[in-house]
């Protein structure tokens, strides 16, 4: 699945998405949906009952259907240029972190026993991670991977129950698993390389 903010990155993507949506609806002989029509659709009951049967076997952890429906107004506002998505601040850097470093593509071998791709999936879908660390387990909202100048990879997260910012050394993690618990982002989720491109770099990619 793709993070909502990644989908909304370029206006050119918006034109492509709305064009593709219209073509698909024309092919199916149906009107282009909007927020109201999706919310009132009689098919929603069927979708709710079949949500897990249709998708649970395809994903590491299936986010609740409510997560997706809560994003529908923002998606359609973006598609129709009514409202640009609000940009969240990046989680603050800590002293000694390399601000120029970006995480590699997640399919790259991290040579780590910790399932970092699982953490990336949870972050992109706004699901909390149960993190085993220091002999205990804690529920965290994952936001960013950073590297210190001495080479340590750090996960920046927020403790879900207290809202406190926390950082965890990846090499000291004992395990991580995606949960069903959703979170509303407090910071920009930037566990992927594209999330931290500068405005100039984004413009170059869009060409």
N, C-alpha and C. Protein backbone atom coordinates (compact mmCIF):
# COMPACT_ATOMS: atom_id res chain seq x y z
N UNK A 1 0.84 -1.20 0.00
CA UNK A 1 0.00 0.00 0.00
C UNK A 1 0.87 1.25 0.00
N UNK A 2 0.31 2.34 -0.44
CA UNK A 2 1.08 3.57 -0.58
C UNK A 2 0.62 4.58 0.44
N UNK A 3 1.55 5.23 1.07
CA UNK A 3 1.22 6.26 2.02
C UNK A 3 0.45 7.38 1.34
N UNK A 4 -0.59 7.92 1.99
CA UNK A 4 -1.42 8.98 1.40
C UNK A 4 -0.59 10.19 1.00
N UNK A 5 0.41 10.55 1.81
CA UNK A 5 1.22 11.73 1.49
C UNK A 5 2.10 11.48 0.28
N UNK A 6 2.53 10.23 0.08
CA UNK A 6 3.30 9.91 -1.11
C UNK A 6 2.42 10.04 -2.35
N UNK A 7 1.16 9.58 -2.28
CA UNK A 7 0.25 9.68 -3.41
C UNK A 7 0.04 11.14 -3.80
N UNK A 8 0.00 12.02 -2.79
CA UNK A 8 -0.31 13.41 -3.03
C UNK A 8 0.90 14.27 -3.39
N UNK A 9 2.03 13.64 -3.68
CA UNK A 9 3.28 14.38 -3.78
C UNK A 9 3.29 15.40 -4.92
N UNK A 10 2.80 15.04 -6.09
CA UNK A 10 2.91 15.93 -7.24
C UNK A 10 1.54 16.18 -7.87
N UNK A 11 1.32 17.40 -8.36
CA UNK A 11 0.06 17.72 -9.02
C UNK A 11 -0.12 16.90 -10.28
N UNK A 12 0.99 16.56 -10.95
CA UNK A 12 0.90 15.75 -12.16
C UNK A 12 0.30 14.39 -11.82
N UNK A 13 0.61 13.84 -10.66
CA UNK A 13 0.04 12.57 -10.24
C UNK A 13 -1.47 12.71 -10.08
N UNK A 14 -1.92 13.85 -9.58
CA UNK A 14 -3.36 14.06 -9.37
C UNK A 14 -4.09 13.97 -10.71
N UNK A 15 -3.56 14.60 -11.73
CA UNK A 15 -4.18 14.56 -13.06
C UNK A 15 -4.23 13.13 -13.57
N UNK A 16 -3.16 12.39 -13.36
CA UNK A 16 -3.10 11.00 -13.81
C UNK A 16 -4.13 10.15 -13.07
N UNK A 17 -4.22 10.34 -11.75
CA UNK A 17 -5.14 9.53 -10.95
C UNK A 17 -6.59 9.79 -11.33
N UNK A 18 -6.97 11.06 -11.42
CA UNK A 18 -8.36 11.38 -11.73
C UNK A 18 -8.71 10.93 -13.15
N UNK A 19 -7.75 11.04 -14.09
CA UNK A 19 -7.98 10.56 -15.45
C UNK A 19 -8.19 9.06 -15.50
N UNK A 20 -7.36 8.34 -14.76
CA UNK A 20 -7.48 6.88 -14.71
C UNK A 20 -8.79 6.46 -14.05
N UNK A 21 -9.16 7.17 -12.98
CA UNK A 21 -10.42 6.87 -12.30
C UNK A 21 -11.62 7.06 -13.23
N UNK A 22 -11.61 8.16 -14.00
CA UNK A 22 -12.71 8.41 -14.93
C UNK A 22 -12.78 7.34 -16.01
N UNK A 23 -11.61 6.94 -16.54
CA UNK A 23 -11.59 5.90 -17.56
C UNK A 23 -12.14 4.59 -17.03
N UNK A 24 -11.76 4.24 -15.81
CA UNK A 24 -12.22 2.98 -15.23
C UNK A 24 -13.73 3.02 -14.99
N UNK A 25 -14.22 4.16 -14.51
CA UNK A 25 -15.65 4.29 -14.25
C UNK A 25 -16.44 4.24 -15.56
N UNK A 26 -15.91 4.88 -16.61
CA UNK A 26 -16.56 4.83 -17.92
C UNK A 26 -16.63 3.39 -18.42
N UNK A 27 -15.55 2.66 -18.26
CA UNK A 27 -15.51 1.27 -18.71
C UNK A 27 -16.53 0.43 -17.97
N UNK A 28 -16.72 0.71 -16.67
CA UNK A 28 -17.68 -0.02 -15.85
C UNK A 28 -19.10 0.50 -16.00
N UNK A 29 -19.26 1.63 -16.71
CA UNK A 29 -20.59 2.19 -16.89
C UNK A 29 -21.17 2.76 -15.61
N UNK A 30 -20.33 3.42 -14.83
CA UNK A 30 -20.77 3.97 -13.56
C UNK A 30 -20.24 5.39 -13.41
N UNK A 31 -20.94 6.24 -12.62
CA UNK A 31 -20.44 7.60 -12.41
C UNK A 31 -19.19 7.61 -11.55
N UNK A 32 -18.40 8.66 -11.71
CA UNK A 32 -17.21 8.82 -10.85
C UNK A 32 -17.69 9.07 -9.42
N UNK A 33 -17.21 8.30 -8.46
CA UNK A 33 -17.69 8.45 -7.08
C UNK A 33 -17.14 9.72 -6.43
N UNK A 34 -17.80 10.10 -5.35
CA UNK A 34 -17.28 11.18 -4.51
C UNK A 34 -17.46 10.77 -3.06
N UNK A 35 -17.10 11.64 -2.14
CA UNK A 35 -17.15 11.30 -0.72
C UNK A 35 -18.55 10.87 -0.29
N UNK A 36 -19.57 11.63 -0.70
CA UNK A 36 -20.94 11.32 -0.27
C UNK A 36 -21.43 10.00 -0.84
N UNK A 37 -21.15 9.75 -2.12
CA UNK A 37 -21.65 8.52 -2.74
C UNK A 37 -20.98 7.28 -2.14
N UNK A 38 -19.72 7.40 -1.78
CA UNK A 38 -19.04 6.27 -1.15
C UNK A 38 -19.58 6.01 0.25
N UNK A 39 -19.83 7.08 0.99
CA UNK A 39 -20.32 6.93 2.36
C UNK A 39 -21.72 6.33 2.41
N UNK A 40 -22.54 6.64 1.39
CA UNK A 40 -23.93 6.17 1.39
C UNK A 40 -24.15 4.93 0.54
N UNK A 41 -23.09 4.42 -0.07
CA UNK A 41 -23.24 3.27 -0.96
C UNK A 41 -23.75 2.04 -0.22
N UNK A 42 -24.74 1.33 -0.79
CA UNK A 42 -25.21 0.08 -0.15
C UNK A 42 -24.14 -1.01 -0.17
N UNK A 43 -23.12 -0.84 -1.00
CA UNK A 43 -22.05 -1.83 -1.08
C UNK A 43 -21.10 -1.73 0.11
N UNK A 44 -21.22 -0.65 0.89
CA UNK A 44 -20.31 -0.49 2.03
C UNK A 44 -20.52 -1.59 3.06
N UNK A 45 -21.77 -2.01 3.25
CA UNK A 45 -22.05 -3.08 4.21
C UNK A 45 -21.35 -4.36 3.78
N UNK A 46 -21.42 -4.65 2.47
CA UNK A 46 -20.74 -5.84 1.96
C UNK A 46 -19.23 -5.72 2.11
N UNK A 47 -18.71 -4.52 1.84
CA UNK A 47 -17.27 -4.29 1.99
C UNK A 47 -16.82 -4.51 3.43
N UNK A 48 -17.60 -4.02 4.38
CA UNK A 48 -17.26 -4.19 5.79
C UNK A 48 -17.24 -5.66 6.19
N UNK A 49 -18.20 -6.42 5.67
CA UNK A 49 -18.28 -7.83 6.05
C UNK A 49 -17.21 -8.69 5.38
N UNK A 50 -16.76 -8.25 4.19
CA UNK A 50 -15.79 -9.04 3.43
C UNK A 50 -14.38 -8.47 3.46
N UNK A 51 -14.17 -7.40 4.22
CA UNK A 51 -12.87 -6.71 4.25
C UNK A 51 -11.71 -7.67 4.51
N UNK A 52 -11.82 -8.45 5.57
CA UNK A 52 -10.73 -9.36 5.90
C UNK A 52 -10.62 -10.49 4.90
N UNK A 53 -11.75 -11.04 4.46
CA UNK A 53 -11.71 -12.16 3.51
C UNK A 53 -11.04 -11.76 2.21
N UNK A 54 -11.26 -10.53 1.77
CA UNK A 54 -10.72 -10.08 0.49
C UNK A 54 -9.23 -9.74 0.55
N UNK A 55 -8.77 -9.18 1.69
CA UNK A 55 -7.43 -8.57 1.70
C UNK A 55 -6.47 -9.11 2.75
N UNK A 56 -6.97 -9.73 3.81
CA UNK A 56 -6.08 -10.09 4.92
C UNK A 56 -4.94 -11.00 4.50
N UNK A 57 -5.18 -11.88 3.53
CA UNK A 57 -4.15 -12.84 3.09
C UNK A 57 -3.09 -12.18 2.22
N UNK A 58 -3.33 -10.92 1.79
CA UNK A 58 -2.39 -10.25 0.89
C UNK A 58 -1.43 -9.31 1.60
N UNK A 59 -1.67 -9.04 2.88
CA UNK A 59 -0.88 -8.03 3.59
C UNK A 59 -0.34 -8.59 4.89
N UNK A 60 0.80 -8.05 5.35
CA UNK A 60 1.34 -8.48 6.64
C UNK A 60 0.35 -8.26 7.79
N UNK A 61 -0.36 -7.15 7.75
CA UNK A 61 -1.38 -6.82 8.74
C UNK A 61 -2.40 -5.91 8.07
N UNK A 62 -3.65 -6.31 8.07
CA UNK A 62 -4.67 -5.52 7.39
C UNK A 62 -5.15 -4.38 8.27
N UNK A 63 -4.95 -3.12 7.84
CA UNK A 63 -5.45 -1.99 8.63
C UNK A 63 -6.98 -2.01 8.70
N UNK A 64 -7.56 -1.47 9.75
CA UNK A 64 -9.02 -1.42 9.85
C UNK A 64 -9.62 -0.63 8.70
N UNK A 65 -10.79 -1.06 8.25
CA UNK A 65 -11.48 -0.37 7.17
C UNK A 65 -11.74 1.09 7.53
N UNK A 66 -12.01 1.36 8.79
CA UNK A 66 -12.28 2.73 9.23
C UNK A 66 -11.12 3.66 8.92
N UNK A 67 -9.89 3.13 8.96
CA UNK A 67 -8.72 3.95 8.63
C UNK A 67 -8.83 4.52 7.23
N UNK A 68 -9.24 3.68 6.29
CA UNK A 68 -9.32 4.11 4.91
C UNK A 68 -10.48 5.06 4.68
N UNK A 69 -11.63 4.78 5.27
CA UNK A 69 -12.77 5.67 5.09
C UNK A 69 -12.51 7.04 5.70
N UNK A 70 -11.72 7.11 6.75
CA UNK A 70 -11.42 8.41 7.35
C UNK A 70 -10.56 9.27 6.44
N UNK A 71 -9.84 8.63 5.49
CA UNK A 71 -8.98 9.36 4.56
C UNK A 71 -9.72 9.80 3.30
N UNK A 72 -10.92 9.25 3.06
CA UNK A 72 -11.63 9.51 1.80
C UNK A 72 -11.85 11.00 1.53
N UNK A 73 -12.34 11.79 2.50
CA UNK A 73 -12.53 13.22 2.20
C UNK A 73 -11.25 13.92 1.77
N UNK A 74 -10.13 13.62 2.43
CA UNK A 74 -8.86 14.25 2.05
C UNK A 74 -8.43 13.85 0.65
N UNK A 75 -8.63 12.58 0.31
CA UNK A 75 -8.26 12.11 -1.02
C UNK A 75 -9.06 12.83 -2.10
N UNK A 76 -10.37 12.95 -1.91
CA UNK A 76 -11.20 13.60 -2.92
C UNK A 76 -10.96 15.11 -2.95
N UNK A 77 -10.67 15.71 -1.83
CA UNK A 77 -10.30 17.13 -1.83
C UNK A 77 -9.03 17.34 -2.65
N UNK A 78 -8.10 16.42 -2.50
CA UNK A 78 -6.86 16.50 -3.28
C UNK A 78 -7.13 16.30 -4.77
N UNK A 79 -7.95 15.30 -5.10
CA UNK A 79 -8.24 15.01 -6.50
C UNK A 79 -8.91 16.19 -7.20
N UNK A 80 -9.76 16.90 -6.48
CA UNK A 80 -10.51 18.01 -7.09
C UNK A 80 -9.85 19.36 -6.84
N UNK A 81 -8.63 19.35 -6.26
CA UNK A 81 -7.87 20.57 -5.99
C UNK A 81 -8.57 21.51 -5.02
N UNK A 82 -9.50 20.97 -4.24
CA UNK A 82 -10.22 21.82 -3.28
C UNK A 82 -9.31 22.21 -2.13
N UNK A 83 -8.50 21.27 -1.69
CA UNK A 83 -7.69 21.51 -0.51
C UNK A 83 -6.41 20.71 -0.60
N UNK A 84 -5.28 21.36 -0.45
CA UNK A 84 -4.01 20.65 -0.42
C UNK A 84 -3.84 19.99 0.95
N UNK A 85 -3.24 18.81 1.00
CA UNK A 85 -3.06 18.15 2.28
C UNK A 85 -2.12 18.93 3.19
N UNK A 86 -2.45 18.96 4.45
CA UNK A 86 -1.61 19.68 5.41
C UNK A 86 -0.27 18.96 5.55
N UNK A 87 0.81 19.74 5.57
CA UNK A 87 2.13 19.14 5.74
C UNK A 87 2.48 19.10 7.21
N UNK A 88 2.78 17.91 7.68
CA UNK A 88 3.17 17.74 9.08
C UNK A 88 4.66 18.02 9.24
N UNK A 89 5.08 18.48 10.41
CA UNK A 89 6.52 18.71 10.63
C UNK A 89 7.26 17.39 10.75
N UNK A 90 8.52 17.41 10.40
CA UNK A 90 9.36 16.23 10.60
C UNK A 90 9.66 16.07 12.08
N UNK A 91 9.81 14.84 12.50
CA UNK A 91 10.19 14.60 13.89
C UNK A 91 11.58 15.21 14.10
N UNK A 92 11.82 15.90 15.21
CA UNK A 92 13.09 16.63 15.38
C UNK A 92 14.32 15.73 15.33
N UNK A 93 15.39 16.26 14.75
CA UNK A 93 16.67 15.56 14.75
C UNK A 93 17.28 15.66 16.14
N UNK A 94 18.05 14.64 16.49
CA UNK A 94 18.78 14.65 17.75
C UNK A 94 20.25 15.00 17.48
N UNK A 95 20.95 15.53 18.47
CA UNK A 95 22.38 15.83 18.28
C UNK A 95 23.15 14.59 17.82
N UNK A 96 24.03 14.79 16.88
CA UNK A 96 24.86 13.68 16.40
C UNK A 96 24.26 12.91 15.24
N UNK A 97 23.06 13.28 14.79
CA UNK A 97 22.45 12.59 13.66
C UNK A 97 22.84 13.27 12.35
N UNK A 98 23.05 12.44 11.33
CA UNK A 98 23.45 12.92 10.00
C UNK A 98 22.20 13.37 9.25
N UNK A 99 22.00 14.67 9.12
CA UNK A 99 20.78 15.18 8.50
C UNK A 99 20.76 15.00 6.99
N UNK A 100 21.91 14.70 6.39
CA UNK A 100 21.97 14.48 4.94
C UNK A 100 21.67 13.04 4.56
N UNK A 101 21.67 12.13 5.52
CA UNK A 101 21.48 10.71 5.22
C UNK A 101 20.01 10.39 4.98
N UNK A 102 19.77 9.51 4.01
CA UNK A 102 18.42 9.02 3.77
C UNK A 102 18.44 7.50 3.82
N UNK A 103 17.36 6.89 4.27
CA UNK A 103 17.32 5.42 4.32
C UNK A 103 17.33 4.84 2.93
N UNK A 104 17.94 3.67 2.74
CA UNK A 104 17.91 3.02 1.43
C UNK A 104 16.51 2.52 1.10
N UNK A 105 16.33 2.10 -0.15
CA UNK A 105 15.06 1.50 -0.54
C UNK A 105 14.79 0.30 0.37
N UNK A 106 13.55 0.16 0.82
CA UNK A 106 13.27 -0.82 1.85
C UNK A 106 13.44 -2.27 1.43
N UNK A 107 13.41 -2.55 0.10
CA UNK A 107 13.63 -3.93 -0.32
C UNK A 107 15.10 -4.30 -0.24
N UNK A 108 15.96 -3.30 -0.03
CA UNK A 108 17.38 -3.54 0.13
C UNK A 108 17.62 -4.37 1.39
N UNK A 109 18.59 -5.26 1.34
CA UNK A 109 18.91 -6.07 2.51
C UNK A 109 19.54 -5.19 3.59
N UNK A 110 18.88 -5.15 4.74
CA UNK A 110 19.39 -4.32 5.83
C UNK A 110 20.43 -5.05 6.67
N UNK A 111 20.57 -6.36 6.44
CA UNK A 111 21.48 -7.17 7.27
C UNK A 111 21.17 -6.98 8.75
N UNK A 112 19.88 -7.06 9.03
CA UNK A 112 19.43 -6.86 10.41
C UNK A 112 18.39 -7.92 10.73
N UNK A 113 18.42 -8.39 12.00
CA UNK A 113 17.42 -9.38 12.43
C UNK A 113 16.07 -8.74 12.66
N UNK A 114 16.02 -7.42 12.75
CA UNK A 114 14.77 -6.70 12.99
C UNK A 114 14.03 -6.51 11.66
N UNK A 115 12.74 -6.82 11.61
CA UNK A 115 11.98 -6.68 10.36
C UNK A 115 11.66 -5.23 10.04
N UNK A 116 12.63 -4.50 9.49
CA UNK A 116 12.43 -3.08 9.20
C UNK A 116 11.36 -2.85 8.14
N UNK A 117 11.19 -3.80 7.21
CA UNK A 117 10.13 -3.64 6.22
C UNK A 117 8.76 -3.70 6.89
N UNK A 118 8.64 -4.50 7.95
CA UNK A 118 7.39 -4.55 8.72
C UNK A 118 7.11 -3.20 9.37
N UNK A 119 8.14 -2.57 9.89
CA UNK A 119 7.98 -1.25 10.51
C UNK A 119 7.59 -0.22 9.45
N UNK A 120 8.21 -0.29 8.26
CA UNK A 120 7.86 0.64 7.19
C UNK A 120 6.41 0.47 6.77
N UNK A 121 5.97 -0.79 6.65
CA UNK A 121 4.58 -1.06 6.27
C UNK A 121 3.62 -0.47 7.30
N UNK A 122 3.93 -0.68 8.57
CA UNK A 122 3.06 -0.15 9.64
C UNK A 122 3.02 1.37 9.58
N UNK A 123 4.16 2.00 9.39
CA UNK A 123 4.21 3.47 9.34
C UNK A 123 3.40 4.00 8.17
N UNK A 124 3.57 3.41 6.99
CA UNK A 124 2.87 3.87 5.79
C UNK A 124 1.36 3.75 5.94
N UNK A 125 0.92 2.76 6.73
CA UNK A 125 -0.51 2.53 6.91
C UNK A 125 -1.03 3.03 8.25
N UNK A 126 -0.19 3.83 8.94
CA UNK A 126 -0.58 4.45 10.22
C UNK A 126 -1.06 3.43 11.23
N UNK A 127 -0.27 2.36 11.38
CA UNK A 127 -0.53 1.33 12.38
C UNK A 127 0.62 1.30 13.37
N UNK A 128 0.29 1.13 14.63
CA UNK A 128 1.33 1.06 15.66
C UNK A 128 2.13 -0.23 15.54
N UNK A 129 3.34 -0.17 16.06
CA UNK A 129 4.24 -1.32 16.09
C UNK A 129 4.43 -1.74 17.54
N UNK A 130 4.37 -3.04 17.79
CA UNK A 130 4.75 -3.56 19.11
C UNK A 130 6.25 -3.85 19.05
N UNK A 131 7.00 -3.08 19.78
CA UNK A 131 8.46 -3.13 19.72
C UNK A 131 9.01 -3.81 20.96
N UNK A 132 9.82 -4.83 20.74
CA UNK A 132 10.53 -5.49 21.84
C UNK A 132 11.90 -4.83 21.96
N UNK A 133 12.17 -4.25 23.13
CA UNK A 133 13.39 -3.46 23.28
C UNK A 133 13.76 -3.42 24.76
N UNK A 134 15.01 -3.71 25.05
CA UNK A 134 15.48 -3.63 26.43
C UNK A 134 14.75 -4.57 27.38
N UNK A 135 14.33 -5.73 26.86
CA UNK A 135 13.68 -6.70 27.72
C UNK A 135 12.20 -6.45 27.98
N UNK A 136 11.63 -5.43 27.35
CA UNK A 136 10.20 -5.15 27.52
C UNK A 136 9.57 -4.86 26.17
N UNK A 137 8.26 -4.77 26.16
CA UNK A 137 7.54 -4.49 24.92
C UNK A 137 6.78 -3.18 25.09
N UNK A 138 6.75 -2.39 23.99
CA UNK A 138 6.03 -1.13 24.06
C UNK A 138 5.35 -0.87 22.72
N UNK A 139 4.22 -0.16 22.76
CA UNK A 139 3.44 0.16 21.57
C UNK A 139 3.88 1.54 21.09
N UNK A 140 4.39 1.61 19.85
CA UNK A 140 4.93 2.88 19.35
C UNK A 140 4.36 3.21 17.98
N UNK A 141 4.36 4.52 17.68
CA UNK A 141 4.00 5.03 16.36
C UNK A 141 5.31 5.29 15.62
N UNK A 142 5.63 4.55 14.57
CA UNK A 142 6.91 4.73 13.86
C UNK A 142 6.86 5.89 12.87
N UNK A 143 7.92 6.69 12.84
CA UNK A 143 7.95 7.86 11.97
C UNK A 143 9.17 7.95 11.06
N UNK A 144 10.36 7.71 11.60
CA UNK A 144 11.54 8.04 10.81
C UNK A 144 12.72 7.15 11.17
N UNK A 145 13.53 6.83 10.16
CA UNK A 145 14.81 6.18 10.38
C UNK A 145 15.91 7.20 10.14
N UNK A 146 16.82 7.30 11.09
CA UNK A 146 17.95 8.23 10.98
C UNK A 146 19.25 7.47 11.22
N UNK A 147 20.36 8.06 10.82
CA UNK A 147 21.66 7.47 11.09
C UNK A 147 22.51 8.47 11.83
N UNK A 148 23.18 8.00 12.88
CA UNK A 148 24.08 8.87 13.62
C UNK A 148 25.41 8.97 12.87
N UNK A 149 26.22 9.95 13.24
CA UNK A 149 27.50 10.13 12.55
C UNK A 149 28.47 8.99 12.82
N UNK A 150 28.20 8.22 13.88
CA UNK A 150 29.06 7.06 14.14
C UNK A 150 28.47 5.77 13.58
N UNK A 151 27.40 5.89 12.75
CA UNK A 151 26.93 4.74 11.98
C UNK A 151 25.76 3.96 12.53
N UNK A 152 25.19 4.36 13.65
CA UNK A 152 24.05 3.65 14.21
C UNK A 152 22.75 4.09 13.53
N UNK A 153 21.88 3.12 13.22
CA UNK A 153 20.57 3.42 12.65
C UNK A 153 19.57 3.56 13.80
N UNK A 154 18.81 4.66 13.78
CA UNK A 154 17.88 4.99 14.86
C UNK A 154 16.46 5.05 14.32
N UNK A 155 15.53 4.41 15.02
CA UNK A 155 14.11 4.57 14.72
C UNK A 155 13.54 5.64 15.64
N UNK A 156 12.97 6.69 15.03
CA UNK A 156 12.27 7.71 15.82
C UNK A 156 10.79 7.34 15.84
N UNK A 157 10.22 7.35 17.02
CA UNK A 157 8.84 6.94 17.20
C UNK A 157 8.22 7.74 18.34
N UNK A 158 6.93 7.53 18.54
CA UNK A 158 6.20 8.14 19.65
C UNK A 158 5.52 7.03 20.43
N UNK A 159 5.64 7.04 21.74
CA UNK A 159 4.93 6.06 22.56
C UNK A 159 3.44 6.35 22.45
N UNK A 160 2.70 5.34 22.03
CA UNK A 160 1.29 5.55 21.72
C UNK A 160 0.46 5.93 22.94
N UNK A 161 0.80 5.38 24.09
CA UNK A 161 -0.03 5.62 25.27
C UNK A 161 0.26 6.95 25.96
N UNK A 162 1.47 7.48 25.78
CA UNK A 162 1.84 8.71 26.48
C UNK A 162 2.08 9.89 25.54
N UNK A 163 2.29 9.63 24.24
CA UNK A 163 2.58 10.71 23.30
C UNK A 163 4.00 11.22 23.39
N UNK A 164 4.89 10.50 24.08
CA UNK A 164 6.27 10.94 24.24
C UNK A 164 7.13 10.53 23.04
N UNK A 165 7.97 11.45 22.57
CA UNK A 165 8.93 11.14 21.52
C UNK A 165 9.99 10.19 22.07
N UNK A 166 10.33 9.18 21.29
CA UNK A 166 11.35 8.22 21.69
C UNK A 166 12.21 7.86 20.49
N UNK A 167 13.45 7.43 20.76
CA UNK A 167 14.32 6.94 19.70
C UNK A 167 14.92 5.61 20.14
N UNK A 168 15.08 4.69 19.19
CA UNK A 168 15.53 3.33 19.49
C UNK A 168 16.60 2.91 18.50
N UNK A 169 17.72 2.42 19.00
CA UNK A 169 18.76 1.89 18.14
C UNK A 169 18.30 0.59 17.53
N UNK A 170 18.37 0.50 16.20
CA UNK A 170 17.88 -0.68 15.50
C UNK A 170 18.64 -1.93 15.92
N UNK A 171 19.95 -1.82 16.13
CA UNK A 171 20.73 -3.00 16.46
C UNK A 171 20.43 -3.52 17.87
N UNK A 172 19.70 -2.75 18.67
CA UNK A 172 19.33 -3.20 20.01
C UNK A 172 17.88 -3.67 20.10
N UNK A 173 17.17 -3.60 18.98
CA UNK A 173 15.79 -4.09 18.97
C UNK A 173 15.78 -5.62 19.02
N UNK A 174 14.84 -6.16 19.76
CA UNK A 174 14.71 -7.60 19.91
C UNK A 174 13.59 -8.17 19.05
N UNK A 175 12.80 -7.29 18.44
CA UNK A 175 11.72 -7.73 17.56
C UNK A 175 10.73 -6.61 17.34
N UNK A 176 9.92 -6.75 16.29
CA UNK A 176 8.91 -5.74 15.98
C UNK A 176 7.80 -6.40 15.20
N UNK A 177 6.56 -6.06 15.51
CA UNK A 177 5.42 -6.62 14.78
C UNK A 177 4.35 -5.55 14.60
N UNK A 178 3.67 -5.59 13.46
CA UNK A 178 2.58 -4.67 13.18
C UNK A 178 1.36 -5.05 14.00
N UNK A 179 0.63 -4.06 14.50
CA UNK A 179 -0.57 -4.31 15.29
C UNK A 179 -1.80 -3.79 14.53
N UNK A 180 -2.96 -4.02 15.13
CA UNK A 180 -4.22 -3.50 14.59
C UNK A 180 -4.48 -2.08 15.06
N UNK A 181 -3.65 -1.55 15.93
CA UNK A 181 -3.92 -0.25 16.55
C UNK A 181 -3.54 0.88 15.61
N UNK A 182 -4.52 1.69 15.15
CA UNK A 182 -4.19 2.79 14.25
C UNK A 182 -3.70 4.01 15.03
N UNK A 183 -3.00 4.91 14.33
CA UNK A 183 -2.64 6.18 14.96
C UNK A 183 -2.82 7.31 13.96
N UNK A 184 -3.10 8.49 14.48
CA UNK A 184 -3.19 9.70 13.67
C UNK A 184 -1.82 10.36 13.71
N UNK A 185 -1.14 10.52 12.58
CA UNK A 185 0.24 11.02 12.59
C UNK A 185 0.37 12.39 13.26
N UNK A 186 1.39 12.49 14.12
CA UNK A 186 1.74 13.75 14.77
C UNK A 186 2.88 14.43 14.01
N UNK A 187 3.65 13.61 13.28
CA UNK A 187 4.76 14.08 12.47
C UNK A 187 4.64 13.48 11.07
N UNK A 188 5.45 13.99 10.15
CA UNK A 188 5.51 13.39 8.82
C UNK A 188 6.12 11.99 8.93
N UNK A 189 5.53 11.04 8.24
CA UNK A 189 6.07 9.69 8.19
C UNK A 189 7.08 9.64 7.05
N UNK A 190 8.35 9.42 7.39
CA UNK A 190 9.38 9.49 6.34
C UNK A 190 10.34 8.32 6.42
N UNK A 191 9.78 7.10 6.47
CA UNK A 191 10.62 5.92 6.47
C UNK A 191 11.01 5.47 5.07
N UNK A 192 10.60 6.22 4.05
CA UNK A 192 10.98 5.89 2.68
C UNK A 192 11.87 6.99 2.14
N UNK A 193 12.75 6.68 1.17
CA UNK A 193 13.68 7.68 0.66
C UNK A 193 13.00 8.91 0.09
N UNK A 194 11.87 8.75 -0.64
CA UNK A 194 11.24 9.89 -1.32
C UNK A 194 10.66 10.89 -0.35
N UNK A 195 10.35 10.45 0.88
CA UNK A 195 9.66 11.33 1.82
C UNK A 195 10.51 12.50 2.25
N UNK A 196 11.85 12.37 2.15
CA UNK A 196 12.69 13.44 2.63
C UNK A 196 13.38 14.21 1.50
N UNK A 197 12.86 14.09 0.27
CA UNK A 197 13.45 14.86 -0.81
C UNK A 197 13.19 16.35 -0.59
N UNK A 198 14.14 17.16 -0.96
CA UNK A 198 13.95 18.60 -0.89
C UNK A 198 12.97 19.04 -1.97
N UNK A 199 12.47 20.29 -1.88
CA UNK A 199 11.54 20.79 -2.89
C UNK A 199 12.18 20.78 -4.27
N UNK A 200 13.49 21.13 -4.34
CA UNK A 200 14.17 21.13 -5.62
C UNK A 200 14.27 19.72 -6.18
N UNK A 201 14.60 18.74 -5.31
CA UNK A 201 14.70 17.36 -5.76
C UNK A 201 13.34 16.84 -6.22
N UNK A 202 12.27 17.22 -5.49
CA UNK A 202 10.94 16.78 -5.90
C UNK A 202 10.58 17.33 -7.27
N UNK A 203 10.96 18.58 -7.52
CA UNK A 203 10.69 19.19 -8.82
C UNK A 203 11.42 18.44 -9.93
N UNK A 204 12.66 18.02 -9.63
CA UNK A 204 13.42 17.28 -10.64
C UNK A 204 12.76 15.94 -10.93
N UNK A 205 12.28 15.26 -9.89
CA UNK A 205 11.62 13.96 -10.09
C UNK A 205 10.35 14.12 -10.90
N UNK A 206 9.65 15.24 -10.71
CA UNK A 206 8.36 15.46 -11.37
C UNK A 206 8.50 15.75 -12.86
N UNK A 207 9.69 16.12 -13.32
CA UNK A 207 9.88 16.47 -14.72
C UNK A 207 9.73 15.24 -15.61
